[in-house]
Amino acid sequence: ITYQWNQEGRQESPSALASKIVPLIIGGISQLHVEEEL
């Protein structure tokens, strides 16, 4: 995602990029904790 951001000319700030991407990534990470609880 950061490589694509760079290729496309860094049209948005890193914080704007992170605010879109982090929730998607965190959703996957939270699965590790769910599995642990099962």
All heavy atoms as atom14 arrays in JSON, in Angstrom:
{
  "sequence": "ITYQWNQEGRQESPSALASKIVPLIIGGISQLHVEEEL",
  "atom14_mask": [
    [1, 1, 1, 1, 1, 1, 1, 1, 0, 0, 0, 0, 0, 0],
    [1, 1, 1, 1, 1, 1, 1, 0, 0, 0, 0, 0, 0, 0],
    [1, 1, 1, 1, 1, 1, 1, 1, 1, 1, 1, 1, 0, 0],
    [1, 1, 1, 1, 1, 1, 1, 1, 1, 0, 0, 0, 0, 0],
    [1, 1, 1, 1, 1, 1, 1, 1, 1, 1, 1, 1, 1, 1],
    [1, 1, 1, 1, 1, 1, 1, 1, 0, 0, 0, 0, 0, 0],
    [1, 1, 1, 1, 1, 1, 1, 1, 1, 0, 0, 0, 0, 0],
    [1, 1, 1, 1, 1, 1, 1, 1, 1, 0, 0, 0, 0, 0],
    [1, 1, 1, 1, 0, 0, 0, 0, 0, 0, 0, 0, 0, 0],
    [1, 1, 1, 1, 1, 1, 1, 1, 1, 1, 1, 0, 0, 0],
    [1, 1, 1, 1, 1, 1, 1, 1, 1, 0, 0, 0, 0, 0],
    [1, 1, 1, 1, 1, 1, 1, 1, 1, 0, 0, 0, 0, 0],
    [1, 1, 1, 1, 1, 1, 0, 0, 0, 0, 0, 0, 0, 0],
    [1, 1, 1, 1, 1, 1, 1, 0, 0, 0, 0, 0, 0, 0],
    [1, 1, 1, 1, 1, 1, 0, 0, 0, 0, 0, 0, 0, 0],
    [1, 1, 1, 1, 1, 0, 0, 0, 0, 0, 0, 0, 0, 0],
    [1, 1, 1, 1, 1, 1, 1, 1, 0, 0, 0, 0, 0, 0],
    [1, 1, 1, 1, 1, 0, 0, 0, 0, 0, 0, 0, 0, 0],
    [1, 1, 1, 1, 1, 1, 0, 0, 0, 0, 0, 0, 0, 0],
    [1, 1, 1, 1, 1, 1, 1, 1, 1, 0, 0, 0, 0, 0],
    [1, 1, 1, 1, 1, 1, 1, 1, 0, 0, 0, 0, 0, 0],
    [1, 1, 1, 1, 1, 1, 1, 0, 0, 0, 0, 0, 0, 0],
    [1, 1, 1, 1, 1, 1, 1, 0, 0, 0, 0, 0, 0, 0],
    [1, 1, 1, 1, 1, 1, 1, 1, 0, 0, 0, 0, 0, 0],
    [1, 1, 1, 1, 1, 1, 1, 1, 0, 0, 0, 0, 0, 0],
    [1, 1, 1, 1, 1, 1, 1, 1, 0, 0, 0, 0, 0, 0],
    [1, 1, 1, 1, 0, 0, 0, 0, 0, 0, 0, 0, 0, 0],
    [1, 1, 1, 1, 0, 0, 0, 0, 0, 0, 0, 0, 0, 0],
    [1, 1, 1, 1, 1, 1, 1, 1, 0, 0, 0, 0, 0, 0],
    [1, 1, 1, 1, 1, 1, 0, 0, 0, 0, 0, 0, 0, 0],
    [1, 1, 1, 1, 1, 1, 1, 1, 1, 0, 0, 0, 0, 0],
    [1, 1, 1, 1, 1, 1, 1, 1, 0, 0, 0, 0, 0, 0],
    [1, 1, 1, 1, 1, 1, 1, 1, 1, 1, 0, 0, 0, 0],
    [1, 1, 1, 1, 1, 1, 1, 0, 0, 0, 0, 0, 0, 0],
    [1, 1, 1, 1, 1, 1, 1, 1, 1, 0, 0, 0, 0, 0],
    [1, 1, 1, 1, 1, 1, 1, 1, 1, 0, 0, 0, 0, 0],
    [1, 1, 1, 1, 1, 1, 1, 1, 1, 0, 0, 0, 0, 0],
    [1, 1, 1, 1, 1, 1, 1, 1, 0, 0, 0, 0, 0, 0]
  ],
  "atom14_positions": [
    [[0.83, -1.21, 0.0], [0.0, 0.0, 0.0], [0.87, 1.26, 0.0], [0.54, 2.25, -0.66], [-1.03, 0.0, 1.16], [-2.16, 1.0, 0.87], [-0.39, 0.3, 2.49], [-3.06, 0.62, -0.25], [0.0, 0.0, 0.0], [0.0, 0.0, 0.0], [0.0, 0.0, 0.0], [0.0, 0.0, 0.0], [0.0, 0.0, 0.0], [0.0, 0.0, 0.0]],
    [[2.0, 1.23, 0.71], [2.86, 2.41, 0.73], [3.63, 2.54, -0.59], [3.9, 3.66, -1.04], [3.83, 2.39, 1.92], [4.62, 1.2, 1.89], [3.08, 2.48, 3.24], [0.0, 0.0, 0.0], [0.0, 0.0, 0.0], [0.0, 0.0, 0.0], [0.0, 0.0, 0.0], [0.0, 0.0, 0.0], [0.0, 0.0, 0.0], [0.0, 0.0, 0.0]],
    [[3.98, 1.42, -1.2], [4.64, 1.46, -2.51], [3.69, 2.06, -3.54], [4.06, 2.93, -4.34], [5.09, 0.06, -2.92], [5.76, 0.02, -4.27], [7.07, 0.46, -4.42], [5.09, -0.44, -5.4], [7.7, 0.45, -5.66], [5.71, -0.46, -6.64], [7.01, -0.02, -6.76], [7.62, -0.03, -7.99], [0.0, 0.0, 0.0], [0.0, 0.0, 0.0]],
    [[2.43, 1.62, -3.52], [1.43, 2.16, -4.45], [1.22, 3.65, -4.2], [1.13, 4.45, -5.14], [0.12, 1.4, -4.29], [-0.96, 1.84, -5.25], [-2.24, 1.06, -5.07], [-2.38, 0.24, -4.16], [-3.19, 1.33, -5.93], [0.0, 0.0, 0.0], [0.0, 0.0, 0.0], [0.0, 0.0, 0.0], [0.0, 0.0, 0.0], [0.0, 0.0, 0.0]],
    [[1.15, 4.03, -2.93], [1.02, 5.44, -2.55], [2.15, 6.26, -3.16], [1.94, 7.35, -3.7], [1.03, 5.53, -1.02], [1.17, 6.89, -0.41], [0.19, 7.81, -0.2], [2.38, 7.49, 0.09], [0.7, 8.93, 0.4], [2.04, 8.76, 0.59], [3.71, 7.06, 0.17], [2.98, 9.6, 1.17], [4.64, 7.9, 0.75], [4.28, 9.16, 1.23]],
    [[3.37, 5.74, -3.09], [4.53, 6.41, -3.65], [4.44, 6.48, -5.17], [4.68, 7.53, -5.77], [5.81, 5.7, -3.22], [7.04, 6.44, -3.67], [7.22, 7.59, -3.33], [7.87, 5.78, -4.45], [0.0, 0.0, 0.0], [0.0, 0.0, 0.0], [0.0, 0.0, 0.0], [0.0, 0.0, 0.0], [0.0, 0.0, 0.0], [0.0, 0.0, 0.0]],
    [[4.08, 5.37, -5.8], [3.98, 5.31, -7.26], [2.96, 6.3, -7.8], [3.13, 6.85, -8.88], [3.58, 3.9, -7.71], [4.65, 2.85, -7.56], [5.73, 3.02, -8.6], [6.76, 3.64, -8.34], [5.52, 2.49, -9.76], [0.0, 0.0, 0.0], [0.0, 0.0, 0.0], [0.0, 0.0, 0.0], [0.0, 0.0, 0.0], [0.0, 0.0, 0.0]],
    [[1.89, 6.5, -7.04], [0.82, 7.38, -7.49], [1.08, 8.84, -7.13], [0.2, 9.69, -7.23], [-0.52, 6.91, -6.9], [-0.95, 5.58, -7.47], [-2.17, 4.99, -6.81], [-2.63, 5.52, -5.77], [-2.67, 3.97, -7.33], [0.0, 0.0, 0.0], [0.0, 0.0, 0.0], [0.0, 0.0, 0.0], [0.0, 0.0, 0.0], [0.0, 0.0, 0.0]],
    [[2.29, 9.12, -6.69], [2.69, 10.5, -6.46], [2.42, 11.05, -5.08], [2.41, 12.27, -4.89], [0.0, 0.0, 0.0], [0.0, 0.0, 0.0], [0.0, 0.0, 0.0], [0.0, 0.0, 0.0], [0.0, 0.0, 0.0], [0.0, 0.0, 0.0], [0.0, 0.0, 0.0], [0.0, 0.0, 0.0], [0.0, 0.0, 0.0], [0.0, 0.0, 0.0]],
    [[2.17, 10.17, -4.09], [1.99, 10.59, -2.71], [0.95, 11.71, -2.62], [1.21, 12.77, -2.05], [3.33, 11.01, -2.1], [4.36, 9.92, -2.15], [5.73, 10.31, -1.66], [6.31, 11.47, -2.3], [6.91, 11.47, -3.49], [6.99, 10.36, -4.17], [7.42, 12.57, -3.99], [0.0, 0.0, 0.0], [0.0, 0.0, 0.0], [0.0, 0.0, 0.0]],
    [[-0.23, 11.46, -3.2], [-1.26, 12.49, -3.3], [-1.99, 12.78, -1.99], [-2.68, 13.78, -1.87], [-2.26, 12.11, -4.39], [-1.61, 12.08, -5.75], [-2.54, 11.64, -6.85], [-3.74, 11.52, -6.64], [-1.99, 11.39, -8.02], [0.0, 0.0, 0.0], [0.0, 0.0, 0.0], [0.0, 0.0, 0.0], [0.0, 0.0, 0.0], [0.0, 0.0, 0.0]],
    [[-1.87, 11.88, -1.02], [-2.46, 12.15, 0.29], [-1.38, 12.03, 1.34], [-0.33, 11.43, 1.11], [-3.62, 11.19, 0.58], [-3.24, 9.72, 0.58], [-4.44, 8.81, 0.67], [-5.5, 9.23, 1.15], [-4.32, 7.66, 0.25], [0.0, 0.0, 0.0], [0.0, 0.0, 0.0], [0.0, 0.0, 0.0], [0.0, 0.0, 0.0], [0.0, 0.0, 0.0]],
    [[-1.62, 12.58, 2.49], [-0.63, 12.54, 3.56], [-0.51, 11.12, 4.1], [-1.46, 10.33, 4.0], [-1.03, 13.49, 4.69], [-2.17, 12.97, 5.35], [0.0, 0.0, 0.0], [0.0, 0.0, 0.0], [0.0, 0.0, 0.0], [0.0, 0.0, 0.0], [0.0, 0.0, 0.0], [0.0, 0.0, 0.0], [0.0, 0.0, 0.0], [0.0, 0.0, 0.0]],
    [[0.64, 10.78, 4.7], [0.76, 9.47, 5.33], [-0.31, 9.23, 6.39], [-0.81, 8.12, 6.52], [2.16, 9.51, 5.96], [2.93, 10.43, 5.07], [1.93, 11.49, 4.68], [0.0, 0.0, 0.0], [0.0, 0.0, 0.0], [0.0, 0.0, 0.0], [0.0, 0.0, 0.0], [0.0, 0.0, 0.0], [0.0, 0.0, 0.0], [0.0, 0.0, 0.0]],
    [[-0.71, 10.28, 7.12], [-1.75, 10.1, 8.15], [-3.1, 9.79, 7.52], [-3.86, 8.97, 8.05], [-1.83, 11.31, 9.08], [-2.14, 12.47, 8.36], [0.0, 0.0, 0.0], [0.0, 0.0, 0.0], [0.0, 0.0, 0.0], [0.0, 0.0, 0.0], [0.0, 0.0, 0.0], [0.0, 0.0, 0.0], [0.0, 0.0, 0.0], [0.0, 0.0, 0.0]],
    [[-3.41, 10.41, 6.37], [-4.67, 10.11, 5.68], [-4.66, 8.67, 5.16], [-5.65, 7.95, 5.27], [-4.9, 11.09, 4.53], [0.0, 0.0, 0.0], [0.0, 0.0, 0.0], [0.0, 0.0, 0.0], [0.0, 0.0, 0.0], [0.0, 0.0, 0.0], [0.0, 0.0, 0.0], [0.0, 0.0, 0.0], [0.0, 0.0, 0.0], [0.0, 0.0, 0.0]],
    [[-3.52, 8.26, 4.63], [-3.38, 6.88, 4.15], [-3.56, 5.9, 5.31], [-4.33, 4.94, 5.22], [-2.0, 6.69, 3.51], [-1.68, 5.29, 3.01], [-2.54, 4.94, 1.8], [-0.19, 5.19, 2.65], [0.0, 0.0, 0.0], [0.0, 0.0, 0.0], [0.0, 0.0, 0.0], [0.0, 0.0, 0.0], [0.0, 0.0, 0.0], [0.0, 0.0, 0.0]],
    [[-2.86, 6.16, 6.42], [-2.93, 5.27, 7.58], [-4.35, 5.19, 8.14], [-4.8, 4.12, 8.52], [-1.96, 5.74, 8.66], [0.0, 0.0, 0.0], [0.0, 0.0, 0.0], [0.0, 0.0, 0.0], [0.0, 0.0, 0.0], [0.0, 0.0, 0.0], [0.0, 0.0, 0.0], [0.0, 0.0, 0.0], [0.0, 0.0, 0.0], [0.0, 0.0, 0.0]],
    [[-5.06, 6.32, 8.15], [-6.41, 6.31, 8.73], [-7.35, 5.41, 7.93], [-8.29, 4.84, 8.47], [-6.98, 7.72, 8.83], [-7.22, 8.26, 7.55], [0.0, 0.0, 0.0], [0.0, 0.0, 0.0], [0.0, 0.0, 0.0], [0.0, 0.0, 0.0], [0.0, 0.0, 0.0], [0.0, 0.0, 0.0], [0.0, 0.0, 0.0], [0.0, 0.0, 0.0]],
    [[-7.08, 5.24, 6.64], [-7.9, 4.34, 5.81], [-7.49, 2.88, 5.95], [-8.31, 1.99, 5.92], [-7.76, 4.72, 4.33], [-8.47, 5.97, 3.93], [-8.43, 6.07, 2.42], [-7.99, 7.44, 2.0], [-7.74, 7.55, 0.58], [0.0, 0.0, 0.0], [0.0, 0.0, 0.0], [0.0, 0.0, 0.0], [0.0, 0.0, 0.0], [0.0, 0.0, 0.0]],
    [[-6.18, 2.66, 6.08], [-5.63, 1.31, 6.03], [-5.6, 0.61, 7.38], [-5.87, -0.58, 7.49], [-4.21, 1.34, 5.41], [-4.25, 1.96, 4.02], [-3.58, -0.04, 5.37], [-5.25, 1.34, 3.07], [0.0, 0.0, 0.0], [0.0, 0.0, 0.0], [0.0, 0.0, 0.0], [0.0, 0.0, 0.0], [0.0, 0.0, 0.0], [0.0, 0.0, 0.0]],
    [[-5.26, 1.34, 8.44], [-5.1, 0.72, 9.75], [-6.34, -0.06, 10.2], [-6.21, -1.2, 10.66], [-4.67, 1.75, 10.82], [-4.73, 1.17, 12.22], [-3.25, 2.24, 10.52], [0.0, 0.0, 0.0], [0.0, 0.0, 0.0], [0.0, 0.0, 0.0], [0.0, 0.0, 0.0], [0.0, 0.0, 0.0], [0.0, 0.0, 0.0], [0.0, 0.0, 0.0]],
    [[-7.57, 0.47, 10.06], [-8.74, -0.31, 10.49], [-8.86, -1.66, 9.75], [-9.25, -2.66, 10.35], [-9.93, 0.6, 10.16], [-9.36, 1.97, 10.15], [-7.96, 1.83, 9.63], [0.0, 0.0, 0.0], [0.0, 0.0, 0.0], [0.0, 0.0, 0.0], [0.0, 0.0, 0.0], [0.0, 0.0, 0.0], [0.0, 0.0, 0.0], [0.0, 0.0, 0.0]],
    [[-8.49, -1.68, 8.48], [-8.55, -2.93, 7.72], [-7.54, -3.95, 8.25], [-7.83, -5.13, 8.39], [-8.27, -2.66, 6.24], [-9.24, -1.72, 5.52], [-8.74, -1.41, 4.12], [-10.63, -2.33, 5.48], [0.0, 0.0, 0.0], [0.0, 0.0, 0.0], [0.0, 0.0, 0.0], [0.0, 0.0, 0.0], [0.0, 0.0, 0.0], [0.0, 0.0, 0.0]],
    [[-6.36, -3.44, 8.55], [-5.29, -4.32, 9.06], [-5.61, -4.8, 10.47], [-5.45, -5.97, 10.79], [-3.93, -3.6, 9.0], [-3.53, -3.4, 7.53], [-2.86, -4.37, 9.75], [-2.29, -2.57, 7.33], [0.0, 0.0, 0.0], [0.0, 0.0, 0.0], [0.0, 0.0, 0.0], [0.0, 0.0, 0.0], [0.0, 0.0, 0.0], [0.0, 0.0, 0.0]],
    [[-6.07, -3.89, 11.31], [-6.35, -4.24, 12.71], [-7.45, -5.3, 12.79], [-7.43, -6.17, 13.66], [-6.73, -2.98, 13.53], [-5.48, -2.09, 13.69], [-7.32, -3.32, 14.87], [-4.32, -2.76, 14.41], [0.0, 0.0, 0.0], [0.0, 0.0, 0.0], [0.0, 0.0, 0.0], [0.0, 0.0, 0.0], [0.0, 0.0, 0.0], [0.0, 0.0, 0.0]],
    [[-8.39, -5.26, 11.87], [-9.44, -6.29, 11.84], [-8.84, -7.68, 11.72], [-9.28, -8.63, 12.38], [0.0, 0.0, 0.0], [0.0, 0.0, 0.0], [0.0, 0.0, 0.0], [0.0, 0.0, 0.0], [0.0, 0.0, 0.0], [0.0, 0.0, 0.0], [0.0, 0.0, 0.0], [0.0, 0.0, 0.0], [0.0, 0.0, 0.0], [0.0, 0.0, 0.0]],
    [[-7.81, -7.82, 10.9], [-7.14, -9.12, 10.75], [-6.33, -9.5, 11.97], [-6.33, -10.65, 12.41], [0.0, 0.0, 0.0], [0.0, 0.0, 0.0], [0.0, 0.0, 0.0], [0.0, 0.0, 0.0], [0.0, 0.0, 0.0], [0.0, 0.0, 0.0], [0.0, 0.0, 0.0], [0.0, 0.0, 0.0], [0.0, 0.0, 0.0], [0.0, 0.0, 0.0]],
    [[-5.65, -8.53, 12.56], [-4.83, -8.8, 13.75], [-5.72, -9.24, 14.92], [-5.35, -10.13, 15.68], [-4.01, -7.56, 14.16], [-2.98, -7.23, 13.09], [-3.32, -7.77, 15.5], [-2.26, -5.92, 13.31], [0.0, 0.0, 0.0], [0.0, 0.0, 0.0], [0.0, 0.0, 0.0], [0.0, 0.0, 0.0], [0.0, 0.0, 0.0], [0.0, 0.0, 0.0]],
    [[-6.9, -8.64, 15.04], [-7.77, -8.99, 16.16], [-8.2, -10.45, 16.1], [-8.51, -11.04, 17.12], [-9.0, -8.07, 16.18], [-9.78, -8.27, 15.02], [0.0, 0.0, 0.0], [0.0, 0.0, 0.0], [0.0, 0.0, 0.0], [0.0, 0.0, 0.0], [0.0, 0.0, 0.0], [0.0, 0.0, 0.0], [0.0, 0.0, 0.0], [0.0, 0.0, 0.0]],
    [[-8.14, -11.06, 14.92], [-8.47, -12.49, 14.8], [-7.49, -13.36, 15.59], [-7.86, -14.41, 16.08], [-8.46, -12.92, 13.33], [-9.68, -12.47, 12.55], [-10.97, -12.99, 13.17], [-11.75, -12.22, 13.72], [-11.17, -14.28, 13.12], [0.0, 0.0, 0.0], [0.0, 0.0, 0.0], [0.0, 0.0, 0.0], [0.0, 0.0, 0.0], [0.0, 0.0, 0.0]],
    [[-6.25, -12.92, 15.71], [-5.28, -13.68, 16.49], [-5.74, -13.79, 17.94], [-5.6, -14.84, 18.57], [-3.9, -13.01, 16.46], [-3.11, -13.13, 15.16], [-1.86, -12.26, 15.24], [-2.74, -14.57, 14.89], [0.0, 0.0, 0.0], [0.0, 0.0, 0.0], [0.0, 0.0, 0.0], [0.0, 0.0, 0.0], [0.0, 0.0, 0.0], [0.0, 0.0, 0.0]],
    [[-6.31, -12.74, 18.48], [-6.78, -12.73, 19.87], [-8.05, -13.55, 20.0], [-8.24, -14.23, 21.02], [-6.99, -11.3, 20.36], [-5.76, -10.47, 20.27], [-4.62, -10.75, 20.99], [-5.45, -9.39, 19.51], [-3.68, -9.87, 20.69], [-4.16, -9.04, 19.79], [0.0, 0.0, 0.0], [0.0, 0.0, 0.0], [0.0, 0.0, 0.0], [0.0, 0.0, 0.0]],
    [[-8.92, -13.5, 19.0], [-10.16, -14.28, 19.05], [-9.83, -15.77, 19.08], [-10.37, -16.53, 19.88], [-11.07, -13.95, 17.84], [-12.23, -14.92, 17.73], [-11.57, -12.51, 17.93], [0.0, 0.0, 0.0], [0.0, 0.0, 0.0], [0.0, 0.0, 0.0], [0.0, 0.0, 0.0], [0.0, 0.0, 0.0], [0.0, 0.0, 0.0], [0.0, 0.0, 0.0]],
    [[-8.9, -16.2, 18.22], [-8.5, -17.6, 18.18], [-7.91, -18.02, 19.5], [-8.12, -19.14, 19.97], [-7.47, -17.83, 17.06], [-8.06, -17.74, 15.68], [-7.0, -17.79, 14.6], [-5.83, -18.13, 14.91], [-7.32, -17.49, 13.44], [0.0, 0.0, 0.0], [0.0, 0.0, 0.0], [0.0, 0.0, 0.0], [0.0, 0.0, 0.0], [0.0, 0.0, 0.0]],
    [[-7.14, -17.14, 20.14], [-6.51, -17.45, 21.41], [-7.56, -17.71, 22.49], [-7.4, -18.56, 23.35], [-5.58, -16.29, 21.83], [-4.74, -16.62, 23.01], [-3.28, -16.58, 22.67], [-2.86, -17.12, 21.63], [-2.54, -16.0, 23.46], [0.0, 0.0, 0.0], [0.0, 0.0, 0.0], [0.0, 0.0, 0.0], [0.0, 0.0, 0.0], [0.0, 0.0, 0.0]],
    [[-8.65, -16.95, 22.44], [-9.69, -17.08, 23.46], [-10.52, -18.36, 23.28], [-11.11, -18.86, 24.2], [-10.61, -15.85, 23.4], [-9.92, -14.59, 23.88], [-10.7, -13.33, 23.53], [-11.85, -13.45, 23.05], [-10.15, -12.23, 23.72], [0.0, 0.0, 0.0], [0.0, 0.0, 0.0], [0.0, 0.0, 0.0], [0.0, 0.0, 0.0], [0.0, 0.0, 0.0]],
    [[-10.56, -18.88, 22.03], [-11.38, -20.07, 21.77], [-10.8, -21.34, 22.35], [-9.83, -21.65, 22.65], [-11.57, -20.25, 20.25], [-12.36, -19.15, 19.57], [-12.42, -19.42, 18.07], [-13.76, -19.05, 20.12], [0.0, 0.0, 0.0], [0.0, 0.0, 0.0], [0.0, 0.0, 0.0], [0.0, 0.0, 0.0], [0.0, 0.0, 0.0], [0.0, 0.0, 0.0]]
  ]
}
